[in-house]
Amino acid sequence: MNNDAPHLSFEFFPPKTDQGKSKLAVTRQELGKFNPEFFSVTYGAGGSTRATTMDQVAAIQADGFAVAPHISFGGSAEEEVLTLLNDYKASGVTELVALRGDLPSGMGGAAQLVHANQLVAFIRQHTGDHFNINVAAYPEIHPEAESYSQDVYWLGEKFKAGANRAITQYFYSADAYFKFVDECAKAGIGEPIIPGIMPLTNYSNLLRFSESCGAEIPRWLQWQLKERSDNPADLISYGIDIITELSQKLLDGGAPGLHFYTMNQWQVSDSLCRNLGFPEKS
C-alpha cells in the first residue's frame, strides 16, 4: 500500500443469518475494490458474538483481505482473551481494535470493566509487537468522561500502553475533530487519529445510535434529515452529499484517512469513496 495514501478501512458487524452472511460477502467484494487497509469486525458485549466474529475474520481472510477484529475484556477472563489473541496471531491477523467493551446485560456491577489502556498493555505483554493496535477516540468526548481534558488524558494512556492509532466515534462537525486533534497534540499525542464516518441512511436509526453513544447531530442536519425521513432515496442522496463534503474537509485539513461504519451495506460507502477519489483496483 502507498504509505502516502490516506488510510481507508471499513467496519462490519457479524451477521446472524445465512442471508446476512451472503450479503456481507458481496459487500466485502464491492468495498474491497478500494484496497482498504483492513476490514474491522465488531465484538458484542462480553464477547457475545465471539464465534460469529471469528467466523467473519476467517471469511475476510479467505477473500484475501486484512482484518482487524474488535477485542475487549468485557466480562471475559484473562485466559479467554489470551486464547483469542493466540488464535488470531496463529491465523495471521496483525491488526486489532482494542476497546474497553461493555458488560453483558444482567451482569451489572458483578464484574469489573477493564479500561482500554489496560487491555492494550495486556496485548503488548503477551504478544509483543505482533499486532498493530487501534483504539477508540471521541472528538465530542466519551459520554462517561469526567471532563474534556480527562478524556484526552485517557487516550494518551492508551498510546503510552502501546496503541498505534486511534479511530474516532462518528461525528458530523469537522471542527469538533480538528479541535480534538489540536488538544491531543498539546497533550503530547502525535499518533494518527482516524475519523470514523457514519453514512446518513436512516433518520430514526441515527437518532437512536447517537443518543446511546453521545454523538451529536447538529440541529440543522437533524431537521434536514427529518424532512426527508419519509423519502429514503432523497435522504440517502442528500446524506451522500453531506458526508462527502465532511470527509473532504477532514482530508483537506490533514486527517490521516477515514474509517467507514458501513452497517454491512456497500452502496453508500462505495459512492462516498468514488466521490472522494479513492482509487479502485484496476
Protein backbone atom coordinates (compact mmCIF):
# COMPACT_ATOMS: atom_id res chain seq x y z
CA MET A 1 0.00 0.00 0.00
CA ASN A 2 1.21 3.52 -0.80
CA ASN A 3 2.30 5.00 2.54
CA ASP A 4 1.39 8.49 1.30
CA ALA A 5 -2.20 7.47 0.53
CA PRO A 6 -4.85 8.21 3.15
CA HIS A 7 -5.79 5.32 5.44
CA LEU A 8 -9.03 3.62 4.41
CA SER A 9 -10.93 0.98 6.37
CA PHE A 10 -14.48 -0.32 6.69
CA GLU A 11 -16.31 -1.72 9.70
CA PHE A 12 -18.75 -4.64 9.72
CA PHE A 13 -20.76 -6.40 12.42
CA PRO A 14 -21.10 -10.20 12.48
CA PRO A 15 -24.28 -11.23 10.60
CA LYS A 16 -26.66 -13.57 12.39
CA THR A 17 -28.25 -15.29 9.37
CA ASP A 18 -27.06 -17.08 6.25
CA GLN A 19 -28.69 -14.35 4.16
CA GLY A 20 -26.77 -11.74 6.14
CA LYS A 21 -23.52 -13.62 5.55
CA SER A 22 -24.20 -13.78 1.81
CA LYS A 23 -24.95 -10.05 1.66
CA LEU A 24 -21.80 -9.25 3.61
CA ALA A 25 -19.73 -11.37 1.23
CA VAL A 26 -20.96 -9.13 -1.61
CA THR A 27 -20.24 -6.01 0.48
CA ARG A 28 -16.66 -7.21 1.07
CA GLN A 29 -16.04 -7.72 -2.63
CA GLU A 30 -17.54 -4.37 -3.60
CA LEU A 31 -15.65 -2.33 -0.99
CA GLY A 32 -12.51 -4.43 -1.42
CA LYS A 33 -12.08 -2.73 -4.80
CA PHE A 34 -10.81 0.35 -2.94
CA ASN A 35 -7.83 -1.50 -1.41
CA PRO A 36 -8.74 -0.85 2.24
CA GLU A 37 -6.01 -1.25 4.82
CA PHE A 38 -8.39 -3.60 6.64
CA PHE A 39 -11.98 -4.56 7.33
CA SER A 40 -12.81 -4.42 11.05
CA VAL A 41 -15.34 -6.71 12.73
CA THR A 42 -17.21 -5.78 15.90
CA TYR A 43 -17.49 -7.88 19.03
CA GLY A 44 -20.63 -7.95 21.18
CA ALA A 45 -20.98 -7.14 24.88
CA GLY A 46 -18.87 -9.52 26.93
CA GLY A 47 -17.82 -11.36 23.79
CA SER A 48 -21.42 -12.31 22.99
CA THR A 49 -20.64 -12.56 19.25
CA ARG A 50 -17.23 -14.21 19.71
CA ALA A 51 -17.94 -17.22 17.47
CA THR A 52 -19.58 -15.18 14.70
CA THR A 53 -16.82 -12.57 14.91
CA MET A 54 -14.22 -15.31 14.42
CA ASP A 55 -16.25 -16.74 11.51
CA GLN A 56 -16.18 -13.35 9.80
CA VAL A 57 -12.46 -12.92 10.49
CA ALA A 58 -11.85 -16.24 8.70
CA ALA A 59 -14.18 -15.31 5.81
CA ILE A 60 -12.45 -11.95 5.29
CA GLN A 61 -9.03 -13.60 5.31
CA ALA A 62 -10.23 -16.27 2.89
CA ASP A 63 -11.19 -13.47 0.48
CA GLY A 64 -7.62 -12.16 0.69
CA PHE A 65 -8.24 -9.06 2.80
CA ALA A 66 -6.59 -7.89 6.02
CA VAL A 67 -8.90 -7.91 9.03
CA ALA A 68 -8.95 -6.07 12.36
CA PRO A 69 -11.19 -7.89 14.85
CA HIS A 70 -12.51 -5.91 17.80
CA ILE A 71 -11.37 -7.28 21.14
CA SER A 72 -12.30 -6.37 24.70
CA PHE A 73 -12.33 -7.86 28.17
CA GLY A 74 -15.99 -7.06 28.75
CA GLY A 75 -16.88 -9.81 31.21
CA SER A 76 -14.22 -12.21 29.92
CA ALA A 77 -11.43 -13.69 32.00
CA GLU A 78 -7.81 -13.01 31.04
CA GLU A 79 -7.38 -16.63 29.92
CA GLU A 80 -10.22 -16.28 27.38
CA VAL A 81 -8.79 -13.08 25.95
CA LEU A 82 -5.30 -14.60 25.78
CA THR A 83 -6.67 -17.65 23.95
CA LEU A 84 -8.38 -15.33 21.48
CA LEU A 85 -5.18 -13.33 20.95
CA ASN A 86 -3.19 -16.51 20.33
CA ASP A 87 -5.82 -17.80 17.90
CA TYR A 88 -5.73 -14.54 15.96
CA LYS A 89 -1.93 -14.49 15.96
CA ALA A 90 -1.79 -18.08 14.70
CA SER A 91 -4.26 -17.29 11.91
CA GLY A 92 -2.16 -14.38 10.62
CA VAL A 93 -4.20 -11.47 11.99
CA THR A 94 -1.94 -8.45 12.54
CA GLU A 95 -4.49 -5.70 13.28
CA LEU A 96 -6.75 -5.36 16.32
CA VAL A 97 -9.27 -2.80 17.54
CA ALA A 98 -8.87 -2.82 21.34
CA LEU A 99 -11.85 -1.46 23.28
CA ARG A 100 -12.98 -1.32 26.88
CA GLY A 101 -16.14 -3.09 25.78
CA ASP A 102 -19.47 -3.50 27.55
CA LEU A 103 -20.61 -5.99 30.12
CA PRO A 104 -23.33 -8.41 29.05
CA SER A 105 -26.76 -7.22 30.17
CA GLY A 106 -27.70 -8.52 33.60
CA MET A 107 -24.14 -8.58 34.95
CA GLY A 108 -24.42 -5.11 36.46
CA GLY A 109 -21.56 -4.49 38.85
CA ALA A 110 -20.78 -8.20 39.19
CA ALA A 111 -17.70 -7.87 37.00
CA GLN A 112 -15.18 -5.08 36.73
CA LEU A 113 -14.79 -3.38 33.37
CA VAL A 114 -11.15 -3.14 32.35
CA HIS A 115 -10.00 0.14 30.82
CA ALA A 116 -8.76 0.02 27.25
CA ASN A 117 -5.25 1.12 28.22
CA GLN A 118 -5.03 -1.97 30.46
CA LEU A 119 -6.18 -4.14 27.57
CA VAL A 120 -3.55 -2.60 25.28
CA ALA A 121 -0.87 -3.27 27.91
CA PHE A 122 -2.12 -6.87 28.26
CA ILE A 123 -1.90 -7.40 24.47
CA ARG A 124 1.63 -5.97 24.34
CA GLN A 125 2.71 -8.04 27.36
CA HIS A 126 1.61 -11.31 25.79
CA THR A 127 2.15 -10.74 22.06
CA GLY A 128 4.90 -8.12 21.86
CA ASP A 129 4.81 -6.09 18.66
CA HIS A 130 2.89 -8.67 16.61
CA PHE A 131 -0.32 -6.62 16.45
CA ASN A 132 -0.96 -3.11 15.19
CA ILE A 133 -3.37 -1.89 17.87
CA ASN A 134 -6.19 0.53 17.05
CA VAL A 135 -8.09 2.18 19.92
CA ALA A 136 -11.18 4.39 20.19
CA ALA A 137 -11.20 8.19 20.43
CA TYR A 138 -14.12 10.55 21.00
CA PRO A 139 -13.90 14.02 19.40
CA GLU A 140 -17.15 15.00 21.13
CA ILE A 141 -15.93 13.26 24.30
CA HIS A 142 -16.99 9.89 25.72
CA PRO A 143 -20.45 10.06 27.33
CA GLU A 144 -18.98 8.78 30.63
CA ALA A 145 -15.96 11.12 30.64
CA GLU A 146 -15.23 13.20 33.73
CA SER A 147 -14.07 16.11 31.58
CA TYR A 148 -12.65 17.00 28.17
CA SER A 149 -9.07 17.04 29.45
CA GLN A 150 -9.51 13.72 31.26
CA ASP A 151 -10.79 12.10 28.07
CA VAL A 152 -7.72 13.34 26.20
CA TYR A 153 -5.56 12.07 29.09
CA TRP A 154 -7.02 8.56 28.85
CA LEU A 155 -6.44 8.46 25.10
CA GLY A 156 -2.83 9.35 25.83
CA GLU A 157 -2.66 6.45 28.31
CA LYS A 158 -3.78 4.04 25.57
CA PHE A 159 -0.91 5.22 23.39
CA LYS A 160 1.57 5.02 26.28
CA ALA A 161 0.45 1.41 26.79
CA GLY A 162 1.36 0.62 23.18
CA ALA A 163 -1.51 1.58 20.86
CA ASN A 164 -0.52 2.59 17.33
CA ARG A 165 -3.52 4.54 16.09
CA ALA A 166 -6.97 5.75 17.15
CA ILE A 167 -10.26 5.55 15.26
CA THR A 168 -12.92 8.01 16.34
CA GLN A 169 -16.57 7.71 17.17
CA TYR A 170 -18.57 9.19 14.31
CA PHE A 171 -19.37 12.92 14.31
CA TYR A 172 -20.82 15.49 11.91
CA SER A 173 -18.74 18.54 12.83
CA ALA A 174 -15.28 18.76 11.28
CA ASP A 175 -14.46 21.48 13.81
CA ALA A 176 -15.03 19.03 16.68
CA TYR A 177 -12.47 16.67 15.15
CA PHE A 178 -9.83 19.32 14.45
CA LYS A 179 -10.23 20.88 17.92
CA PHE A 180 -9.82 17.43 19.48
CA VAL A 181 -6.69 16.68 17.44
CA ASP A 182 -5.24 20.05 18.50
CA GLU A 183 -5.93 19.30 22.17
CA CYS A 184 -4.35 15.86 21.77
CA ALA A 185 -1.24 17.43 20.22
CA LYS A 186 -0.98 19.84 23.17
CA ALA A 187 -1.10 16.80 25.46
CA GLY A 188 1.80 15.20 23.58
CA ILE A 189 -0.24 12.79 21.47
CA GLY A 190 1.22 12.53 17.98
CA GLU A 191 -0.16 9.21 16.79
CA PRO A 192 -2.69 9.11 13.92
CA ILE A 193 -6.33 9.77 14.83
CA ILE A 194 -8.56 8.45 12.02
CA PRO A 195 -12.05 9.97 11.70
CA GLY A 196 -14.87 7.45 11.93
CA ILE A 197 -17.52 8.17 9.30
CA MET A 198 -21.18 7.14 9.66
CA PRO A 199 -23.11 7.43 6.38
CA LEU A 200 -26.55 9.03 6.60
CA THR A 201 -29.08 6.42 5.51
CA ASN A 202 -31.85 6.19 8.13
CA TYR A 203 -33.15 9.03 10.29
CA SER A 204 -34.67 7.08 13.19
CA ASN A 205 -31.74 4.66 13.47
CA LEU A 206 -29.28 7.56 13.51
CA LEU A 207 -31.18 9.26 16.34
CA ARG A 208 -31.16 6.04 18.36
CA PHE A 209 -27.46 5.30 17.77
CA SER A 210 -26.43 8.87 18.51
CA GLU A 211 -28.36 9.04 21.77
CA SER A 212 -26.71 5.85 23.03
CA CYS A 213 -23.13 6.75 22.07
CA GLY A 214 -23.14 10.51 22.70
CA ALA A 215 -22.59 11.59 19.07
CA GLU A 216 -24.11 14.98 18.32
CA ILE A 217 -26.31 15.57 15.29
CA PRO A 218 -26.28 19.33 14.54
CA ARG A 219 -29.78 20.79 14.69
CA TRP A 220 -29.68 21.96 11.07
CA LEU A 221 -28.76 18.44 9.95
CA GLN A 222 -31.37 16.80 12.16
CA TRP A 223 -34.09 18.97 10.62
CA GLN A 224 -32.87 18.29 7.08
CA LEU A 225 -32.90 14.54 7.71
CA LYS A 226 -36.28 14.64 9.44
CA GLU A 227 -37.75 16.43 6.42
CA ARG A 228 -36.50 13.60 4.18
CA SER A 229 -37.27 10.72 6.55
CA ASP A 230 -40.30 9.57 4.53
CA ASN A 231 -38.31 9.56 1.28
CA PRO A 232 -35.38 7.11 1.70
CA ALA A 233 -33.89 7.78 -1.74
CA ASP A 234 -33.86 11.54 -1.14
CA LEU A 235 -32.38 11.13 2.35
CA ILE A 236 -29.60 8.85 1.08
CA SER A 237 -28.78 11.17 -1.83
CA TYR A 238 -28.68 14.18 0.50
CA GLY A 239 -26.63 12.18 3.02
CA ILE A 240 -24.04 11.26 0.39
CA ASP A 241 -23.57 14.95 -0.46
CA ILE A 242 -23.24 15.94 3.22
CA ILE A 243 -20.82 13.12 4.14
CA THR A 244 -18.73 13.67 1.00
CA GLU A 245 -18.38 17.33 2.00
CA LEU A 246 -17.49 16.44 5.61
CA SER A 247 -14.99 13.76 4.56
CA GLN A 248 -13.29 16.00 2.01
CA LYS A 249 -12.99 18.77 4.61
CA LEU A 250 -11.36 16.30 7.01
CA LEU A 251 -8.88 15.01 4.43
CA ASP A 252 -8.07 18.53 3.19
CA GLY A 253 -7.49 19.60 6.80
CA GLY A 254 -4.91 16.89 7.40
CA ALA A 255 -6.89 13.90 8.69
CA PRO A 256 -4.76 10.80 8.03
CA GLY A 257 -7.60 8.82 6.47
CA LEU A 258 -11.17 7.60 7.02
CA HIS A 259 -12.86 4.62 8.68
CA PHE A 260 -16.41 3.93 7.42
CA TYR A 261 -19.12 2.43 9.64
CA THR A 262 -20.86 0.55 6.84
CA MET A 263 -23.72 -1.15 8.72
CA ASN A 264 -22.83 -4.09 6.41
CA GLN A 265 -24.04 -2.17 3.32
CA TRP A 266 -21.73 -1.30 0.44
CA GLN A 267 -23.68 1.06 -1.83
CA VAL A 268 -23.37 4.35 0.10
CA SER A 269 -19.75 3.76 1.18
CA ASP A 270 -18.96 2.94 -2.46
CA SER A 271 -20.46 6.26 -3.61
CA LEU A 272 -18.56 8.16 -0.92
CA CYS A 273 -15.22 6.55 -1.82
CA ARG A 274 -15.78 7.34 -5.51
CA ASN A 275 -16.69 10.94 -4.72
CA LEU A 276 -13.55 11.28 -2.61
CA GLY A 277 -11.32 9.83 -5.32
CA PHE A 278 -10.12 6.70 -3.54
CA PRO A 279 -8.50 4.64 -6.31
CA GLU A 280 -10.03 1.32 -7.34
CA LYS A 281 -8.15 -1.82 -8.27
CA SER A 282 -7.55 -1.87 -11.99
